[in-house]
C-alpha atoms as a PDB file:
ATOM      1  CA  MET A   1     -17.717  70.683  51.167  1.00  0.00           C
ATOM      2  CA  PRO A   2     -16.565  68.665  54.232  1.00  0.00           C
ATOM      3  CA  ALA A   3     -19.063  66.187  53.653  1.00  0.00           C
ATOM      4  CA  PHE A   4     -17.459  65.251  49.955  1.00  0.00           C
ATOM      5  CA  ILE A   5     -14.222  64.937  51.478  1.00  0.00           C
ATOM      6  CA  ILE A   6     -15.318  62.866  54.840  1.00  0.00           C
ATOM      7  CA  ARG A   7     -16.777  60.896  51.918  1.00  0.00           C
ATOM      8  CA  ILE A   8     -13.749  60.288  49.897  1.00  0.00           C
ATOM      9  CA  CYS A   9     -12.145  59.386  52.835  1.00  0.00           C
ATOM     10  CA  LEU A  10     -14.117  56.985  53.750  1.00  0.00           C
ATOM     11  CA  LEU A  11     -14.652  55.062  50.169  1.00  0.00           C
ATOM     12  CA  VAL A  12     -10.614  55.207  50.563  1.00  0.00           C
ATOM     13  CA  LEU A  13     -11.141  53.202  54.090  1.00  0.00           C
ATOM     14  CA  VAL A  14     -13.178  51.069  52.523  1.00  0.00           C
ATOM     15  CA  THR A  15     -11.781  50.550  50.182  1.00  0.00           C
ATOM     16  CA  PHE A  16      -8.202  49.325  51.090  1.00  0.00           C
ATOM     17  CA  THR A  17      -9.203  48.466  54.432  1.00  0.00           C
ATOM     18  CA  GLY A  18     -11.896  45.816  53.298  1.00  0.00           C
ATOM     19  CA  PRO A  19      -9.808  42.940  52.348  1.00  0.00           C
ATOM     20  CA  VAL A  20      -8.114  43.258  56.075  1.00  0.00           C
ATOM     21  CA  LEU A  21     -10.700  43.224  57.705  1.00  0.00           C
ATOM     22  CA  ARG A  22     -12.601  40.273  55.628  1.00  0.00           C
ATOM     23  CA  ALA A  23     -12.563  37.278  57.709  1.00  0.00           C
ATOM     24  CA  GLN A  24      -9.451  34.835  55.940  1.00  0.00           C
ATOM     25  CA  ARG A  25     -10.467  32.297  53.792  1.00  0.00           C
ATOM     26  CA  GLU A  26     -10.894  28.242  55.631  1.00  0.00           C
ATOM     27  CA  LYS A  27      -8.096  26.342  54.202  1.00  0.00           C
ATOM     28  CA  LEU A  28      -9.642  22.905  54.721  1.00  0.00           C
ATOM     29  CA  SER A  29     -11.893  21.515  52.336  1.00  0.00           C
ATOM     30  CA  ASP A  30     -15.350  21.527  53.448  1.00  0.00           C
ATOM     31  CA  GLU A  31     -15.051  17.178  54.430  1.00  0.00           C
ATOM     32  CA  ASP A  32     -11.618  17.214  55.714  1.00  0.00           C
ATOM     33  CA  LEU A  33     -13.173  20.531  58.101  1.00  0.00           C
ATOM     34  CA  GLU A  34     -16.162  18.445  59.422  1.00  0.00           C
ATOM     35  CA  PHE A  35     -13.686  15.832  59.991  1.00  0.00           C
ATOM     36  CA  VAL A  36     -11.428  18.076  62.506  1.00  0.00           C
ATOM     37  CA  GLU A  37     -13.884  19.573  63.847  1.00  0.00           C
ATOM     38  CA  LYS A  38     -15.903  16.326  65.019  1.00  0.00           C
ATOM     39  CA  ASN A  39     -12.411  14.460  66.349  1.00  0.00           C
ATOM     40  CA  PHE A  40     -10.833  17.202  67.432  1.00  0.00           C
ATOM     41  CA  PRO A  41     -13.616  19.685  68.705  1.00  0.00           C
ATOM     42  CA  ALA A  42     -10.548  21.477  71.278  1.00  0.00           C
ATOM     43  CA  ALA A  43      -8.666  22.351  68.935  1.00  0.00           C
ATOM     44  CA  GLN A  44      -7.293  25.974  68.541  1.00  0.00           C
ATOM     45  CA  LYS A  45      -7.183  28.344  65.097  1.00  0.00           C
ATOM     46  CA  THR A  46      -3.891  29.492  63.555  1.00  0.00           C
ATOM     47  CA  SER A  47      -4.715  33.202  62.337  1.00  0.00           C
ATOM     48  CA  THR A  48      -2.844  31.084  59.210  1.00  0.00           C
ATOM     49  CA  GLY A  49      -4.833  27.818  59.268  1.00  0.00           C
ATOM     50  CA  ILE A  50      -3.221  25.476  60.922  1.00  0.00           C
ATOM     51  CA  ARG A  51      -5.532  23.805  63.891  1.00  0.00           C
ATOM     52  CA  TYR A  52      -3.609  22.384  66.814  1.00  0.00           C
ATOM     53  CA  VAL A  53      -4.612  20.615  70.668  1.00  0.00           C
ATOM     54  CA  ILE A  54      -1.623  20.904  73.111  1.00  0.00           C
ATOM     55  CA  GLN A  55      -1.914  17.644  74.377  1.00  0.00           C
ATOM     56  CA  VAL A  56       1.679  18.912  77.119  1.00  0.00           C
ATOM     57  CA  GLU A  57       2.832  22.404  78.429  1.00  0.00           C
ATOM     58  CA  GLY A  58       6.186  23.733  77.056  1.00  0.00           C
ATOM     59  CA  LYS A  59       8.208  26.127  79.340  1.00  0.00           C
ATOM     60  CA  GLY A  60      10.367  28.698  78.138  1.00  0.00           C
ATOM     61  CA  ASP A  61      10.998  30.811  74.876  1.00  0.00           C
ATOM     62  CA  CYS A  62       9.641  29.926  71.095  1.00  0.00           C
ATOM     63  CA  PRO A  63      12.405  28.688  68.438  1.00  0.00           C
ATOM     64  CA  GLN A  64      12.567  31.918  66.250  1.00  0.00           C
ATOM     65  CA  PRO A  65      13.820  31.909  62.696  1.00  0.00           C
ATOM     66  CA  GLY A  66      17.406  30.511  62.460  1.00  0.00           C
ATOM     67  CA  ASP A  67      17.719  28.453  65.301  1.00  0.00           C
ATOM     68  CA  ILE A  68      17.401  24.492  65.689  1.00  0.00           C
ATOM     69  CA  VAL A  69      14.729  22.842  66.634  1.00  0.00           C
ATOM     70  CA  ALA A  70      15.309  19.426  67.755  1.00  0.00           C
ATOM     71  CA  LEU A  71      12.287  16.885  67.747  1.00  0.00           C
ATOM     72  CA  ILE A  72      10.064  13.646  67.532  1.00  0.00           C
ATOM     73  CA  TYR A  73       6.788  13.569  65.858  1.00  0.00           C
ATOM     74  CA  ALA A  74       4.553  11.350  63.732  1.00  0.00           C
ATOM     75  CA  GLY A  75       2.768  12.170  60.297  1.00  0.00           C
ATOM     76  CA  ARG A  76      -0.971  10.539  59.781  1.00  0.00           C
ATOM     77  CA  PHE A  77      -3.535  11.552  57.150  1.00  0.00           C
ATOM     78  CA  LEU A  78      -7.186  12.367  58.121  1.00  0.00           C
ATOM     79  CA  ASN A  79      -7.678   8.703  58.023  1.00  0.00           C
ATOM     80  CA  GLY A  80      -5.379   7.068  60.621  1.00  0.00           C
ATOM     81  CA  THR A  81      -2.931   6.440  58.495  1.00  0.00           C
ATOM     82  CA  LEU A  82       1.089   6.696  59.563  1.00  0.00           C
ATOM     83  CA  PHE A  83       2.634   8.123  56.608  1.00  0.00           C
ATOM     84  CA  ASP A  84       6.109   8.938  58.671  1.00  0.00           C
ATOM     85  CA  GLN A  85       7.416   9.059  61.137  1.00  0.00           C
ATOM     86  CA  HIS A  86      10.174   9.973  63.713  1.00  0.00           C
ATOM     87  CA  ILE A  87      10.210   8.678  67.496  1.00  0.00           C
ATOM     88  CA  ASP A  88      13.947   8.180  68.064  1.00  0.00           C
ATOM     89  CA  ARG A  89      14.639  10.588  71.697  1.00  0.00           C
ATOM     90  CA  GLU A  90      18.089  10.242  71.306  1.00  0.00           C
ATOM     91  CA  HIS A  91      18.544  11.177  67.979  1.00  0.00           C
ATOM     92  CA  PRO A  92      15.459  13.451  66.861  1.00  0.00           C
ATOM     93  CA  PHE A  93      15.162  15.399  63.677  1.00  0.00           C
ATOM     94  CA  GLN A  94      16.747  18.369  63.358  1.00  0.00           C
ATOM     95  CA  PHE A  95      15.845  21.974  61.081  1.00  0.00           C
ATOM     96  CA  ARG A  96      16.671  25.377  61.069  1.00  0.00           C
ATOM     97  CA  VAL A  97      13.371  27.202  61.838  1.00  0.00           C
ATOM     98  CA  GLY A  98      12.860  29.536  59.340  1.00  0.00           C
ATOM     99  CA  ARG A  99      14.348  28.331  56.148  1.00  0.00           C
ATOM    100  CA  ASN A 100      12.706  26.496  53.876  1.00  0.00           C
ATOM    101  CA  GLN A 101      13.855  22.890  55.410  1.00  0.00           C
ATOM    102  CA  VAL A 102      10.470  21.677  55.811  1.00  0.00           C
ATOM    103  CA  ILE A 103       6.972  22.157  55.159  1.00  0.00           C
ATOM    104  CA  GLU A 104       5.874  25.804  55.466  1.00  0.00           C
ATOM    105  CA  GLY A 105       2.865  24.856  58.410  1.00  0.00           C
ATOM    106  CA  TRP A 106       6.135  23.511  60.707  1.00  0.00           C
ATOM    107  CA  ASP A 107       8.062  26.436  60.479  1.00  0.00           C
ATOM    108  CA  GLN A 108       5.213  28.129  61.273  1.00  0.00           C
ATOM    109  CA  PHE A 109       4.132  26.264  64.228  1.00  0.00           C
ATOM    110  CA  MET A 110       7.695  25.672  65.197  1.00  0.00           C
ATOM    111  CA  GLN A 111       7.578  29.230  66.093  1.00  0.00           C
ATOM    112  CA  GLN A 112       4.659  29.035  68.818  1.00  0.00           C
ATOM    113  CA  MET A 113       5.775  25.826  70.451  1.00  0.00           C
ATOM    114  CA  LYS A 114       7.824  25.511  73.766  1.00  0.00           C
ATOM    115  CA  LYS A 115      10.736  23.083  74.703  1.00  0.00           C
ATOM    116  CA  GLY A 116       9.113  20.362  75.931  1.00  0.00           C
ATOM    117  CA  GLU A 117       5.165  20.796  74.490  1.00  0.00           C
ATOM    118  CA  ARG A 118       3.425  17.825  72.310  1.00  0.00           C
ATOM    119  CA  CYS A 119       0.418  18.807  70.116  1.00  0.00           C
ATOM    120  CA  VAL A 120      -1.411  17.496  67.891  1.00  0.00           C
ATOM    121  CA  VAL A 121      -1.045  19.814  65.021  1.00  0.00           C
ATOM    122  CA  ILE A 122      -3.408  19.848  61.990  1.00  0.00           C
ATOM    123  CA  ILE A 123      -1.832  21.175  58.455  1.00  0.00           C
ATOM    124  CA  PRO A 124      -3.761  22.260  55.827  1.00  0.00           C
ATOM    125  CA  ALA A 125      -2.390  20.777  52.043  1.00  0.00           C
ATOM    126  CA  GLU A 126      -1.681  24.532  51.104  1.00  0.00           C
ATOM    127  CA  LEU A 127       0.555  24.402  54.145  1.00  0.00           C
ATOM    128  CA  ALA A 128       1.987  20.999  53.796  1.00  0.00           C
ATOM    129  CA  TYR A 129       2.457  19.867  50.038  1.00  0.00           C
ATOM    130  CA  GLY A 130      -0.197  21.525  48.138  1.00  0.00           C
ATOM    131  CA  MET A 131      -1.295  20.633  44.618  1.00  0.00           C
ATOM    132  CA  ARG A 132       1.525  18.376  43.691  1.00  0.00           C
ATOM    133  CA  GLY A 133       1.810  16.529  46.853  1.00  0.00           C
ATOM    134  CA  SER A 134       4.995  14.647  47.943  1.00  0.00           C
ATOM    135  CA  PRO A 135       4.169  10.820  45.835  1.00  0.00           C
ATOM    136  CA  PRO A 136       4.107   8.314  46.465  1.00  0.00           C
ATOM    137  CA  ARG A 137       3.145   8.459  50.103  1.00  0.00           C
ATOM    138  CA  ILE A 138       1.671  12.299  50.217  1.00  0.00           C
ATOM    139  CA  PRO A 139      -1.126  12.437  47.575  1.00  0.00           C
ATOM    140  CA  ARG A 140      -1.906  16.189  46.011  1.00  0.00           C
ATOM    141  CA  ASP A 141      -4.197  18.315  48.346  1.00  0.00           C
ATOM    142  CA  THR A 142      -3.942  16.059  51.676  1.00  0.00           C
ATOM    143  CA  THR A 143      -4.801  17.460  55.103  1.00  0.00           C
ATOM    144  CA  LEU A 144      -1.860  15.912  57.671  1.00  0.00           C
ATOM    145  CA  VAL A 145      -1.749  15.410  61.219  1.00  0.00           C
ATOM    146  CA  PHE A 146       1.129  15.728  63.024  1.00  0.00           C
ATOM    147  CA  LEU A 147       2.114  14.927  66.428  1.00  0.00           C
ATOM    148  CA  ILE A 148       5.230  16.585  67.722  1.00  0.00           C
ATOM    149  CA  GLU A 149       6.830  17.003  70.498  1.00  0.00           C
ATOM    150  CA  LEU A 150       9.815  20.259  70.682  1.00  0.00           C
ATOM    151  CA  LEU A 151      12.732  18.130  72.530  1.00  0.00           C
ATOM    152  CA  ASP A 152      15.467  20.956  72.140  1.00  0.00           C
ATOM    153  CA  ILE A 153      16.240  24.563  70.937  1.00  0.00           C
ATOM    154  CA  LYS A 154      19.190  25.727  69.976  1.00  0.00           C
ATOM    155  CA  ARG A 155      19.960  28.846  69.359  1.00  0.00           C
ATOM    156  CA  LYS A 156      21.423  30.485  66.005  1.00  0.00           C
END
């Protein structure tokens, strides 16, 4: 009888924890993944599939949901074409973290940057504009590459 109970427990354990233990699926297309691995070999990967390279280390605490961040950035496609930028340090781009004011990838990644940090951030389409894109500038299913520098954090 105890062996039967152990088997049932193992079956339940495998059934319900298996999906949690499996590696998360790759969010970049095969073509984009090949490009990123070739051109950004030092890129680290978050648990949600965002890749990044820290160019300048920041200091202090990371922004939390509700904090207002001020930053400068340039957004490009993988082919290098610039689609958007905000690079005026005197009037930086600002938004409240975790309030869906920007693409999901930004909301996620901002929470691990530190003040003064500059990163190249590669955001899969799924965490950017997804299947709908943002016509006419951003086609559907497009991986985006941002150079982001976090200038300031204003606590909520």
